[in-house]
Every structure is written in C-alpha cells, then in structure tokens.
Amino acid sequence: MADITKFGVMMTPALVVDGQVKVAGKVPSLEEIKRLIAGEA
C-alpha cells in the first residue's frame, strides 16, 4: 500500500505502467489491460 500511495493513488485496485498511473479505483477489463501495457492508451 505504501508503494502505491507514492504515485498519489488513494483507491485500489490500481495499475502503474512505466511509472505512470493508468488505472485507479476500478478493475479494468482484460482488453484494457492489454492496451495499457502495450502503450496504446
């Protein structure tokens, strides 16, 4: 939890990719996760 708050995230779940918060406070779909990891979103 301490690690995620370093990014300013106050709600979980959260996804950080390459040091940037991509999703916070919701569960993304599998397709959304794939796009985020691929750098498309």
PDB file of N, CA and C in Angstrom:
ATOM      1  N   MET A   1       0.823  -1.189   0.000  1.00  0.00           N
ATOM      2  CA  MET A   1       0.000   0.000   0.000  1.00  0.00           C
ATOM      3  C   MET A   1       0.872   1.259   0.000  1.00  0.00           C
ATOM      4  N   ALA A   2       1.953   1.223   0.730  1.00  0.00           N
ATOM      5  CA  ALA A   2       2.839   2.394   0.777  1.00  0.00           C
ATOM      6  C   ALA A   2       3.416   2.700  -0.601  1.00  0.00           C
ATOM      7  N   ASP A   3       3.729   1.670  -1.355  1.00  0.00           N
ATOM      8  CA  ASP A   3       4.290   1.881  -2.697  1.00  0.00           C
ATOM      9  C   ASP A   3       3.285   2.561  -3.618  1.00  0.00           C
ATOM     10  N   ILE A   4       2.045   2.137  -3.561  1.00  0.00           N
ATOM     11  CA  ILE A   4       1.039   2.706  -4.472  1.00  0.00           C
ATOM     12  C   ILE A   4       0.701   4.149  -4.095  1.00  0.00           C
ATOM     13  N   THR A   5       0.735   4.483  -2.815  1.00  0.00           N
ATOM     14  CA  THR A   5       0.436   5.862  -2.420  1.00  0.00           C
ATOM     15  C   THR A   5       1.535   6.828  -2.867  1.00  0.00           C
ATOM     16  N   LYS A   6       2.721   6.319  -3.150  1.00  0.00           N
ATOM     17  CA  LYS A   6       3.788   7.178  -3.677  1.00  0.00           C
ATOM     18  C   LYS A   6       3.394   7.780  -5.029  1.00  0.00           C
ATOM     19  N   PHE A   7       2.474   7.126  -5.717  1.00  0.00           N
ATOM     20  CA  PHE A   7       2.001   7.613  -7.003  1.00  0.00           C
ATOM     21  C   PHE A   7       0.785   8.519  -6.858  1.00  0.00           C
ATOM     22  N   GLY A   8       0.356   8.776  -5.631  1.00  0.00           N
ATOM     23  CA  GLY A   8      -0.799   9.630  -5.391  1.00  0.00           C
ATOM     24  C   GLY A   8      -2.125   8.906  -5.510  1.00  0.00           C
ATOM     25  N   VAL A   9      -2.070   7.579  -5.577  1.00  0.00           N
ATOM     26  CA  VAL A   9      -3.282   6.777  -5.698  1.00  0.00           C
ATOM     27  C   VAL A   9      -3.866   6.559  -4.311  1.00  0.00           C
ATOM     28  N   MET A  10      -5.145   6.878  -4.167  1.00  0.00           N
ATOM     29  CA  MET A  10      -5.803   6.704  -2.876  1.00  0.00           C
ATOM     30  C   MET A  10      -6.838   5.582  -2.899  1.00  0.00           C
ATOM     31  N   MET A  11      -7.100   5.040  -4.095  1.00  0.00           N
ATOM     32  CA  MET A  11      -8.074   3.958  -4.215  1.00  0.00           C
ATOM     33  C   MET A  11      -7.438   2.776  -4.939  1.00  0.00           C
ATOM     34  N   THR A  12      -7.737   1.601  -4.457  1.00  0.00           N
ATOM     35  CA  THR A  12      -7.276   0.404  -5.138  1.00  0.00           C
ATOM     36  C   THR A  12      -8.474  -0.310  -5.726  1.00  0.00           C
ATOM     37  N   PRO A  13      -8.302  -1.144  -6.704  1.00  0.00           N
ATOM     38  CA  PRO A  13      -7.024  -1.514  -7.304  1.00  0.00           C
ATOM     39  C   PRO A  13      -6.480  -0.395  -8.184  1.00  0.00           C
ATOM     40  N   ALA A  14      -5.200  -0.495  -8.470  1.00  0.00           N
ATOM     41  CA  ALA A  14      -4.556   0.476  -9.338  1.00  0.00           C
ATOM     42  C   ALA A  14      -3.516  -0.246 -10.195  1.00  0.00           C
ATOM     43  N   LEU A  15      -3.258   0.322 -11.358  1.00  0.00           N
ATOM     44  CA  LEU A  15      -2.266  -0.238 -12.267  1.00  0.00           C
ATOM     45  C   LEU A  15      -1.314   0.871 -12.674  1.00  0.00           C
ATOM     46  N   VAL A  16      -0.022   0.630 -12.452  1.00  0.00           N
ATOM     47  CA  VAL A  16       1.019   1.571 -12.830  1.00  0.00           C
ATOM     48  C   VAL A  16       1.865   0.904 -13.899  1.00  0.00           C
ATOM     49  N   VAL A  17       2.047   1.600 -15.027  1.00  0.00           N
ATOM     50  CA  VAL A  17       2.857   1.082 -16.123  1.00  0.00           C
ATOM     51  C   VAL A  17       3.951   2.098 -16.415  1.00  0.00           C
ATOM     52  N   ASP A  18       5.185   1.649 -16.375  1.00  0.00           N
ATOM     53  CA  ASP A  18       6.331   2.532 -16.650  1.00  0.00           C
ATOM     54  C   ASP A  18       6.301   3.796 -15.807  1.00  0.00           C
ATOM     55  N   GLY A  19       5.920   3.654 -14.537  1.00  0.00           N
ATOM     56  CA  GLY A  19       5.935   4.783 -13.620  1.00  0.00           C
ATOM     57  C   GLY A  19       4.756   5.719 -13.726  1.00  0.00           C
ATOM     58  N   GLN A  20       3.760   5.377 -14.554  1.00  0.00           N
ATOM     59  CA  GLN A  20       2.576   6.223 -14.710  1.00  0.00           C
ATOM     60  C   GLN A  20       1.332   5.457 -14.289  1.00  0.00           C
ATOM     61  N   VAL A  21       0.476   6.115 -13.518  1.00  0.00           N
ATOM     62  CA  VAL A  21      -0.783   5.509 -13.108  1.00  0.00           C
ATOM     63  C   VAL A  21      -1.694   5.446 -14.338  1.00  0.00           C
ATOM     64  N   LYS A  22      -2.122   4.255 -14.663  1.00  0.00           N
ATOM     65  CA  LYS A  22      -3.004   4.066 -15.814  1.00  0.00           C
ATOM     66  C   LYS A  22      -4.444   3.827 -15.389  1.00  0.00           C
ATOM     67  N   VAL A  23      -4.641   3.170 -14.257  1.00  0.00           N
ATOM     68  CA  VAL A  23      -5.982   2.868 -13.755  1.00  0.00           C
ATOM     69  C   VAL A  23      -5.944   2.969 -12.234  1.00  0.00           C
ATOM     70  N   ALA A  24      -6.992   3.551 -11.661  1.00  0.00           N
ATOM     71  CA  ALA A  24      -7.107   3.602 -10.204  1.00  0.00           C
ATOM     72  C   ALA A  24      -8.577   3.555  -9.821  1.00  0.00           C
ATOM     73  N   GLY A  25      -8.884   2.739  -8.848  1.00  0.00           N
ATOM     74  CA  GLY A  25     -10.234   2.694  -8.306  1.00  0.00           C
ATOM     75  C   GLY A  25     -11.220   1.843  -9.076  1.00  0.00           C
ATOM     76  N   LYS A  26     -10.734   1.075 -10.040  1.00  0.00           N
ATOM     77  CA  LYS A  26     -11.640   0.184 -10.775  1.00  0.00           C
ATOM     78  C   LYS A  26     -10.844  -1.010 -11.284  1.00  0.00           C
ATOM     79  N   VAL A  27     -11.555  -2.029 -11.666  1.00  0.00           N
ATOM     80  CA  VAL A  27     -10.924  -3.209 -12.247  1.00  0.00           C
ATOM     81  C   VAL A  27     -11.060  -3.104 -13.762  1.00  0.00           C
ATOM     82  N   PRO A  28      -9.940  -2.928 -14.452  1.00  0.00           N
ATOM     83  CA  PRO A  28     -10.013  -2.809 -15.907  1.00  0.00           C
ATOM     84  C   PRO A  28     -10.285  -4.163 -16.554  1.00  0.00           C
ATOM     85  N   SER A  29     -10.848  -4.122 -17.741  1.00  0.00           N
ATOM     86  CA  SER A  29     -11.069  -5.362 -18.485  1.00  0.00           C
ATOM     87  C   SER A  29      -9.728  -5.907 -18.964  1.00  0.00           C
ATOM     88  N   LEU A  30      -9.720  -7.152 -19.351  1.00  0.00           N
ATOM     89  CA  LEU A  30      -8.503  -7.771 -19.878  1.00  0.00           C
ATOM     90  C   LEU A  30      -8.014  -7.015 -21.110  1.00  0.00           C
ATOM     91  N   GLU A  31      -8.935  -6.633 -21.984  1.00  0.00           N
ATOM     92  CA  GLU A  31      -8.550  -5.905 -23.194  1.00  0.00           C
ATOM     93  C   GLU A  31      -7.952  -4.538 -22.847  1.00  0.00           C
ATOM     94  N   GLU A  32      -8.526  -3.870 -21.851  1.00  0.00           N
ATOM     95  CA  GLU A  32      -7.994  -2.574 -21.437  1.00  0.00           C
ATOM     96  C   GLU A  32      -6.580  -2.731 -20.870  1.00  0.00           C
ATOM     97  N   ILE A  33      -6.358  -3.751 -20.085  1.00  0.00           N
ATOM     98  CA  ILE A  33      -5.027  -4.018 -19.528  1.00  0.00           C
ATOM     99  C   ILE A  33      -4.037  -4.267 -20.655  1.00  0.00           C
ATOM    100  N   LYS A  34      -4.425  -5.052 -21.636  1.00  0.00           N
ATOM    101  CA  LYS A  34      -3.536  -5.327 -22.774  1.00  0.00           C
ATOM    102  C   LYS A  34      -3.152  -4.040 -23.487  1.00  0.00           C
ATOM    103  N   ARG A  35      -4.120  -3.146 -23.728  1.00  0.00           N
ATOM    104  CA  ARG A  35      -3.847  -1.864 -24.398  1.00  0.00           C
ATOM    105  C   ARG A  35      -2.918  -0.990 -23.563  1.00  0.00           C
ATOM    106  N   LEU A  36      -3.166  -0.953 -22.268  1.00  0.00           N
ATOM    107  CA  LEU A  36      -2.361  -0.117 -21.393  1.00  0.00           C
ATOM    108  C   LEU A  36      -0.908  -0.595 -21.343  1.00  0.00           C
ATOM    109  N   ILE A  37      -0.724  -1.885 -21.249  1.00  0.00           N
ATOM    110  CA  ILE A  37       0.634  -2.445 -21.199  1.00  0.00           C
ATOM    111  C   ILE A  37       1.343  -2.250 -22.537  1.00  0.00           C
ATOM    112  N   ALA A  38       0.604  -2.340 -23.627  1.00  0.00           N
ATOM    113  CA  ALA A  38       1.179  -2.156 -24.957  1.00  0.00           C
ATOM    114  C   ALA A  38       1.474  -0.686 -25.249  1.00  0.00           C
ATOM    115  N   GLY A  39       0.975   0.214 -24.396  1.00  0.00           N
ATOM    116  CA  GLY A  39       1.228   1.638 -24.582  1.00  0.00           C
ATOM    117  C   GLY A  39       0.269   2.314 -25.531  1.00  0.00           C
ATOM    118  N   GLU A  40      -0.866   1.688 -25.799  1.00  0.00           N
ATOM    119  CA  GLU A  40      -1.826   2.246 -26.737  1.00  0.00           C
ATOM    120  C   GLU A  40      -2.816   3.198 -26.098  1.00  0.00           C
ATOM    121  N   ALA A  41      -2.846   3.268 -24.784  1.00  0.00           N
ATOM    122  CA  ALA A  41      -3.836   4.137 -24.136  1.00  0.00           C
ATOM    123  C   ALA A  41      -3.172   5.048 -23.128  1.00  0.00           C
TER     124      ALA A  41
END
